[in-house]
Amino acid sequence: MDQLIMKFPAQLKEAIEIGEAATIRPHHYVINKVILCGMGGSGMAAEFVSDLIADECPCPYIIHSTYHLPAFVDKHSLVIISSYSGNTEETISSFNKALLTGAKIVCITSGSKILDIANLQGTDAITLPTGWSSSRAWLGYLMVQQLFVLHKLELISDSIIDNLKNAVDLITFEQEDIQFKAEKIAALIYKKTPVIYTTDRSESMGLRWRQQFNENSKILCWHNVIPAMNHNELEGWKTKHEDIAVIFLRFKDDFKRTQIRTDLTKQMVNQYAATVIEIYSKGQSLAEKMMYMAHFGDWVSWYLAQLYHVNPSANEAINFLESELEKS
């Protein structure tokens, strides 16, 4: 897993090259909504995309992680079918239903059943390289292709793609420093339950950290966003919690009122949590900041796995569930 994490900047760079070379045919109808069908790594990539495009995509971007499609999917929809393995049963089910709607369909996969269906039905597909063993390590490939689908269908501008290229340079340059700091953070939160707080502008980062703690470090975690948690979860901080470590993931250019709320929330939580940590992202654009923070969190989860003496690449519980499902 450490080698896969180390390759993240190179993966982003290769993903951009794949996206630039991809051919996506225009749709016959005006697209007024986008539905992303994907589980696991594909769904996580979509969360980042949703945050990155929020300020410029004219269509709602809906993440659908289930067997079914919403009733509103029609010929004015773009349906992105995303599965690195190409065998995700929920996504295949959604793909088959989308074929009946007249929607524009684009597949993102490394092969298998989804690519076979795409070739049979004549739908556009972006084929990814194989050989990456853990789905959570595919973030760059899946996220970048989702962005390129939107870009080639003129739903987003060049700027996000350009900023991703800058993000590759940033995290490549910062790699050693990120690892150094990540190891320190892991030591601080060892044997504690992490609680991740972000702003509504970047919830995907908190979700990514949470999922990486779940899968790599094999621990429970939760996350929430500010200002939403100021209206409910904040009331839960009433007693001392020696087993909880709170991590605030922050940008220096967040909305001023949100920054004030975050500062006040930190002051209040600090009275009850055993450990409170604040991390500011490096980078200029939103894409740079988010890729930096995603990479940072991946390394924290890996160092934490070493402290717990667990294999961050193993997915025993998930694999057991999948094997049982195959029997039914």
Protein backbone atom coordinates (compact mmCIF):
# COMPACT_ATOMS: atom_id res chain seq x y z
CA MET A 1 0.00 0.00 0.00
CA ASP A 2 2.84 2.44 0.71
CA GLN A 3 4.08 1.95 -2.86
CA LEU A 4 0.60 2.62 -4.25
CA ILE A 5 0.30 5.78 -2.17
CA MET A 6 3.74 6.91 -3.28
CA LYS A 7 2.65 6.58 -6.91
CA PHE A 8 -0.35 8.90 -6.53
CA PRO A 9 1.30 11.92 -8.25
CA ALA A 10 2.41 9.69 -11.14
CA GLN A 11 -1.09 8.22 -11.32
CA LEU A 12 -2.63 11.68 -11.58
CA LYS A 13 -0.22 12.57 -14.37
CA GLU A 14 -0.99 9.40 -16.33
CA ALA A 15 -4.71 9.86 -15.73
CA ILE A 16 -4.56 13.34 -17.26
CA GLU A 17 -2.80 11.93 -20.33
CA ILE A 18 -5.49 9.24 -20.68
CA GLY A 19 -8.25 11.82 -20.33
CA GLU A 20 -6.74 14.14 -22.90
CA ALA A 21 -6.57 11.28 -25.42
CA ALA A 22 -10.11 10.01 -24.77
CA THR A 23 -12.86 10.41 -27.37
CA ILE A 24 -16.30 11.30 -26.04
CA ARG A 25 -18.99 11.84 -28.65
CA PRO A 26 -21.47 14.71 -28.18
CA HIS A 27 -25.01 13.91 -27.13
CA HIS A 28 -28.01 14.51 -29.38
CA TYR A 29 -29.90 16.35 -26.65
CA VAL A 30 -29.09 19.11 -24.17
CA ILE A 31 -27.71 17.62 -20.96
CA ASN A 32 -29.30 19.10 -17.85
CA LYS A 33 -28.24 16.60 -15.17
CA VAL A 34 -25.37 14.23 -14.50
CA ILE A 35 -25.67 10.92 -12.66
CA LEU A 36 -22.51 9.11 -11.56
CA CYS A 37 -23.03 5.40 -10.90
CA GLY A 38 -20.21 3.89 -8.88
CA MET A 39 -19.31 2.22 -5.62
CA GLY A 40 -16.21 2.28 -3.43
CA GLY A 41 -13.32 4.01 -5.17
CA SER A 42 -15.57 5.30 -7.96
CA GLY A 43 -18.00 6.81 -5.48
CA MET A 44 -15.15 8.39 -3.53
CA ALA A 45 -13.71 9.88 -6.71
CA ALA A 46 -17.15 11.30 -7.51
CA GLU A 47 -17.29 13.05 -4.13
CA PHE A 48 -14.09 14.93 -5.03
CA VAL A 49 -15.50 15.75 -8.47
CA SER A 50 -18.68 17.09 -6.90
CA ASP A 51 -16.69 19.51 -4.73
CA LEU A 52 -14.34 20.53 -7.53
CA ILE A 53 -17.07 21.40 -10.06
CA ALA A 54 -19.57 23.00 -7.68
CA ASP A 55 -18.69 26.57 -8.69
CA GLU A 56 -18.96 26.12 -12.45
CA CYS A 57 -20.90 23.05 -13.65
CA PRO A 58 -24.38 24.22 -14.76
CA CYS A 59 -25.95 20.81 -14.08
CA PRO A 60 -26.63 18.97 -10.83
CA TYR A 61 -24.08 16.21 -10.29
CA ILE A 62 -25.72 13.29 -8.51
CA ILE A 63 -23.78 10.37 -7.05
CA HIS A 64 -25.77 7.14 -7.15
CA SER A 65 -24.27 4.20 -5.29
CA THR A 66 -26.89 1.49 -5.58
CA TYR A 67 -28.45 -1.05 -7.94
CA HIS A 68 -31.10 1.32 -9.27
CA LEU A 69 -31.46 4.59 -11.14
CA PRO A 70 -33.62 7.57 -10.15
CA ALA A 71 -36.85 7.91 -12.11
CA PHE A 72 -35.75 11.30 -13.49
CA VAL A 73 -32.99 9.81 -15.68
CA ASP A 74 -33.97 10.52 -19.29
CA LYS A 75 -32.57 11.55 -22.69
CA HIS A 76 -31.36 14.84 -21.19
CA SER A 77 -29.16 12.99 -18.68
CA LEU A 78 -25.48 12.13 -18.70
CA VAL A 79 -24.90 8.81 -16.92
CA ILE A 80 -21.28 8.02 -16.05
CA ILE A 81 -20.75 4.34 -15.30
CA SER A 82 -17.59 4.06 -13.21
CA SER A 83 -16.00 0.80 -12.02
CA TYR A 84 -12.28 0.17 -12.11
CA SER A 85 -12.68 -3.62 -12.04
CA GLY A 86 -15.61 -3.58 -14.44
CA ASN A 87 -17.38 -6.21 -12.35
CA THR A 88 -19.18 -4.16 -9.66
CA GLU A 89 -22.64 -5.71 -9.58
CA GLU A 90 -24.50 -2.61 -8.40
CA THR A 91 -22.93 -0.52 -11.17
CA ILE A 92 -23.65 -3.14 -13.83
CA SER A 93 -27.29 -3.14 -12.72
CA SER A 94 -27.44 0.66 -13.06
CA PHE A 95 -25.74 0.45 -16.47
CA ASN A 96 -28.36 -1.97 -17.80
CA LYS A 97 -31.16 0.29 -16.59
CA ALA A 98 -29.52 3.40 -18.08
CA LEU A 99 -29.47 1.76 -21.51
CA LEU A 100 -33.28 1.92 -21.52
CA THR A 101 -33.51 5.67 -20.84
CA GLY A 102 -31.96 7.32 -23.91
CA ALA A 103 -29.37 9.02 -21.70
CA LYS A 104 -25.83 9.78 -22.83
CA ILE A 105 -23.71 7.02 -21.26
CA VAL A 106 -19.95 7.03 -20.74
CA CYS A 107 -18.13 4.16 -19.04
CA ILE A 108 -14.89 4.39 -17.06
CA THR A 109 -13.31 1.00 -16.40
CA SER A 110 -10.26 -1.20 -16.81
CA GLY A 111 -12.26 -3.91 -18.55
CA SER A 112 -14.36 -7.00 -17.76
CA LYS A 113 -18.17 -6.99 -17.88
CA ILE A 114 -18.75 -3.25 -18.10
CA LEU A 115 -16.36 -2.84 -21.03
CA ASP A 116 -17.97 -5.86 -22.74
CA ILE A 117 -21.43 -4.28 -22.40
CA ALA A 118 -20.12 -0.90 -23.59
CA ASN A 119 -18.58 -2.47 -26.68
CA LEU A 120 -21.74 -4.48 -27.40
CA GLN A 121 -24.02 -1.44 -26.98
CA GLY A 122 -21.70 1.05 -28.69
CA THR A 123 -21.44 3.40 -25.70
CA ASP A 124 -18.37 5.57 -25.13
CA ALA A 125 -15.78 4.11 -22.77
CA ILE A 126 -12.48 5.24 -21.28
CA THR A 127 -10.25 2.25 -20.58
CA LEU A 128 -7.90 2.47 -17.61
CA PRO A 129 -4.63 0.57 -17.11
CA THR A 130 -4.78 -2.61 -15.04
CA GLY A 131 -2.47 -3.76 -12.27
CA TRP A 132 -3.56 -1.64 -9.29
CA SER A 133 -4.53 -4.09 -6.59
CA SER A 134 -6.60 -1.94 -4.18
CA SER A 135 -9.68 -0.01 -5.27
CA ARG A 136 -8.99 2.83 -2.83
CA ALA A 137 -5.68 3.43 -4.63
CA TRP A 138 -7.47 4.25 -7.93
CA LEU A 139 -8.64 7.70 -6.84
CA GLY A 140 -6.59 9.60 -9.42
CA TYR A 141 -7.57 7.45 -12.39
CA LEU A 142 -11.29 7.52 -11.61
CA MET A 143 -11.60 11.15 -10.53
CA VAL A 144 -9.65 12.57 -13.47
CA GLN A 145 -11.65 10.59 -16.05
CA GLN A 146 -14.93 11.74 -14.54
CA LEU A 147 -13.68 15.32 -14.87
CA PHE A 148 -12.60 14.77 -18.48
CA VAL A 149 -16.02 13.38 -19.41
CA LEU A 150 -17.57 16.61 -18.13
CA HIS A 151 -14.88 18.70 -19.81
CA LYS A 152 -15.26 17.04 -23.21
CA LEU A 153 -19.03 17.50 -23.05
CA GLU A 154 -18.42 21.21 -22.28
CA LEU A 155 -19.90 21.12 -18.79
CA ILE A 156 -16.71 22.41 -17.12
CA SER A 157 -13.83 24.61 -18.29
CA ASP A 158 -10.11 23.98 -18.77
CA SER A 159 -9.22 25.50 -15.41
CA ILE A 160 -9.89 22.44 -13.23
CA ILE A 161 -7.74 20.26 -15.51
CA ASP A 162 -4.95 22.84 -15.46
CA ASN A 163 -5.13 23.03 -11.67
CA LEU A 164 -4.84 19.24 -11.43
CA LYS A 165 -1.63 19.43 -13.44
CA ASN A 166 -0.31 21.92 -10.90
CA ALA A 167 -1.41 19.58 -8.11
CA VAL A 168 0.86 16.86 -9.53
CA ASP A 169 3.84 19.21 -9.19
CA LEU A 170 2.78 20.30 -5.69
CA ILE A 171 2.44 16.87 -4.11
CA THR A 172 5.52 15.56 -5.89
CA PHE A 173 7.54 18.42 -4.39
CA GLU A 174 5.90 18.06 -0.95
CA GLN A 175 6.00 14.25 -0.78
CA GLU A 176 8.80 13.94 1.78
CA ASP A 177 7.37 16.66 4.02
CA ILE A 178 3.88 15.14 3.81
CA GLN A 179 5.20 11.77 4.93
CA PHE A 180 7.13 13.32 7.81
CA LYS A 181 4.08 15.20 9.08
CA ALA A 182 1.72 12.28 8.48
CA GLU A 183 3.81 10.01 10.67
CA LYS A 184 3.62 12.58 13.48
CA ILE A 185 -0.16 12.86 13.15
CA ALA A 186 -0.55 9.08 13.20
CA ALA A 187 1.34 8.91 16.50
CA LEU A 188 -0.93 11.56 18.02
CA ILE A 189 -4.16 9.74 17.14
CA TYR A 190 -2.95 6.17 17.80
CA LYS A 191 -5.41 4.22 20.00
CA LYS A 192 -8.01 6.97 19.64
CA THR A 193 -11.13 7.22 17.46
CA PRO A 194 -10.59 9.94 14.86
CA VAL A 195 -13.27 12.54 14.23
CA ILE A 196 -12.74 14.55 11.04
CA TYR A 197 -14.24 18.02 10.53
CA THR A 198 -14.09 19.89 7.23
CA THR A 199 -16.12 22.71 5.72
CA ASP A 200 -19.04 22.23 3.37
CA ARG A 201 -16.74 23.30 0.54
CA SER A 202 -14.59 20.20 0.90
CA GLU A 203 -16.54 17.39 2.54
CA SER A 204 -14.92 14.89 0.15
CA MET A 205 -11.63 15.31 2.02
CA GLY A 206 -13.20 14.31 5.33
CA LEU A 207 -14.91 11.35 3.70
CA ARG A 208 -11.63 10.24 2.12
CA TRP A 209 -9.77 10.42 5.44
CA ARG A 210 -12.57 8.49 7.15
CA GLN A 211 -12.63 5.74 4.55
CA GLN A 212 -8.84 5.42 4.53
CA PHE A 213 -8.83 5.03 8.31
CA ASN A 214 -11.51 2.36 7.89
CA GLU A 215 -9.81 0.38 5.14
CA ASN A 216 -6.10 0.98 5.66
CA SER A 217 -5.91 1.40 9.45
CA LYS A 218 -8.84 -0.95 10.23
CA ILE A 219 -10.44 1.44 12.73
CA LEU A 220 -13.76 3.22 13.07
CA CYS A 221 -13.98 6.94 12.38
CA TRP A 222 -16.59 9.58 11.67
CA HIS A 223 -16.66 12.87 9.85
CA ASN A 224 -18.94 15.89 9.63
CA VAL A 225 -18.98 19.33 8.04
CA ILE A 226 -19.11 22.92 9.24
CA PRO A 227 -21.47 24.78 9.35
CA ALA A 228 -23.97 21.88 9.31
CA MET A 229 -22.61 20.22 12.46
CA ASN A 230 -22.99 23.51 14.35
CA HIS A 231 -26.75 22.91 14.24
CA ASN A 232 -26.78 19.38 15.68
CA GLU A 233 -23.59 17.41 16.43
CA LEU A 234 -22.04 20.26 18.41
CA GLU A 235 -24.57 19.57 21.18
CA GLY A 236 -23.05 16.11 21.55
CA TRP A 237 -19.82 17.59 22.92
CA LYS A 238 -20.84 17.74 26.58
CA THR A 239 -18.50 15.26 28.31
CA LYS A 240 -14.82 14.37 28.27
CA HIS A 241 -13.74 11.84 25.63
CA GLU A 242 -10.23 10.60 26.32
CA ASP A 243 -10.50 8.11 23.46
CA ILE A 244 -11.29 10.65 20.70
CA ALA A 245 -8.91 12.66 18.49
CA VAL A 246 -10.47 15.51 16.48
CA ILE A 247 -8.82 16.61 13.24
CA PHE A 248 -9.82 19.88 11.54
CA LEU A 249 -8.91 19.95 7.83
CA ARG A 250 -8.76 23.60 6.75
CA PHE A 251 -8.14 26.02 3.88
CA LYS A 252 -6.88 29.53 4.58
CA ASP A 253 -9.26 30.99 1.97
CA ASP A 254 -12.47 29.41 3.28
CA PHE A 255 -15.52 31.67 3.54
CA LYS A 256 -14.92 34.13 6.40
CA ARG A 257 -18.03 33.24 8.39
CA THR A 258 -17.18 29.54 8.07
CA GLN A 259 -13.66 30.22 9.34
CA ILE A 260 -15.10 31.98 12.39
CA ARG A 261 -17.44 29.04 13.00
CA THR A 262 -14.53 26.61 12.69
CA ASP A 263 -12.43 28.57 15.18
CA LEU A 264 -15.28 28.65 17.69
CA THR A 265 -16.05 24.96 17.16
CA LYS A 266 -12.41 24.08 17.79
CA GLN A 267 -12.44 26.07 21.04
CA MET A 268 -15.56 24.25 22.25
CA VAL A 269 -14.44 20.77 21.20
CA ASN A 270 -11.02 21.32 22.76
CA GLN A 271 -12.64 21.26 26.20
CA TYR A 272 -13.79 17.65 25.77
CA ALA A 273 -11.59 15.79 23.25
CA ALA A 274 -8.31 14.19 24.32
CA THR A 275 -6.53 15.46 21.19
CA VAL A 276 -7.38 18.28 18.80
CA ILE A 277 -5.33 18.73 15.63
CA GLU A 278 -5.59 21.43 12.96
CA ILE A 279 -4.14 20.88 9.47
CA TYR A 280 -4.01 23.59 6.81
CA SER A 281 -3.61 22.48 3.22
CA LYS A 282 -0.92 23.77 0.90
CA GLY A 283 -1.67 24.87 -2.68
CA GLN A 284 -3.32 27.76 -4.51
CA SER A 285 -6.36 26.34 -6.30
CA LEU A 286 -9.10 24.17 -4.81
CA ALA A 287 -7.81 21.19 -6.83
CA GLU A 288 -4.28 21.62 -5.47
CA LYS A 289 -5.49 21.92 -1.89
CA MET A 290 -7.76 18.90 -2.12
CA MET A 291 -5.19 16.64 -3.77
CA TYR A 292 -2.61 17.68 -1.19
CA MET A 293 -4.97 16.90 1.67
CA ALA A 294 -6.10 13.59 0.14
CA HIS A 295 -2.50 12.48 -0.22
CA PHE A 296 -1.73 13.61 3.34
CA GLY A 297 -4.61 11.54 4.70
CA ASP A 298 -3.56 8.45 2.76
CA TRP A 299 -0.15 8.60 4.40
CA VAL A 300 -1.61 9.15 7.88
CA SER A 301 -3.76 6.04 7.45
CA TRP A 302 -0.74 4.01 6.32
CA TYR A 303 1.44 5.05 9.26
CA LEU A 304 -1.46 4.33 11.59
CA ALA A 305 -1.72 0.83 10.11
CA GLN A 306 1.92 0.28 10.98
CA LEU A 307 1.28 1.31 14.58
CA TYR A 308 -1.63 -1.12 14.81
CA HIS A 309 0.40 -3.86 13.07
CA VAL A 310 -2.30 -4.47 10.46
CA ASN A 311 -2.02 -5.04 6.73
CA PRO A 312 -3.40 -1.90 5.03
CA SER A 313 -3.89 -3.77 1.76
CA ALA A 314 -6.12 -6.49 3.20
CA ASN A 315 -9.91 -6.31 2.90
CA GLU A 316 -10.97 -9.43 4.77
CA ALA A 317 -14.39 -8.23 5.93
CA ILE A 318 -15.33 -6.80 2.53
CA ASN A 319 -14.08 -9.90 0.71
CA PHE A 320 -16.06 -12.16 3.06
CA LEU A 321 -19.24 -10.19 2.39
CA GLU A 322 -18.71 -10.33 -1.37
CA SER A 323 -18.04 -14.09 -1.30
CA GLU A 324 -21.24 -14.68 0.71
CA LEU A 325 -23.23 -12.55 -1.72
CA GLU A 326 -21.97 -14.68 -4.63
CA LYS A 327 -23.54 -17.72 -2.96
CA SER A 328 -26.99 -16.13 -2.75
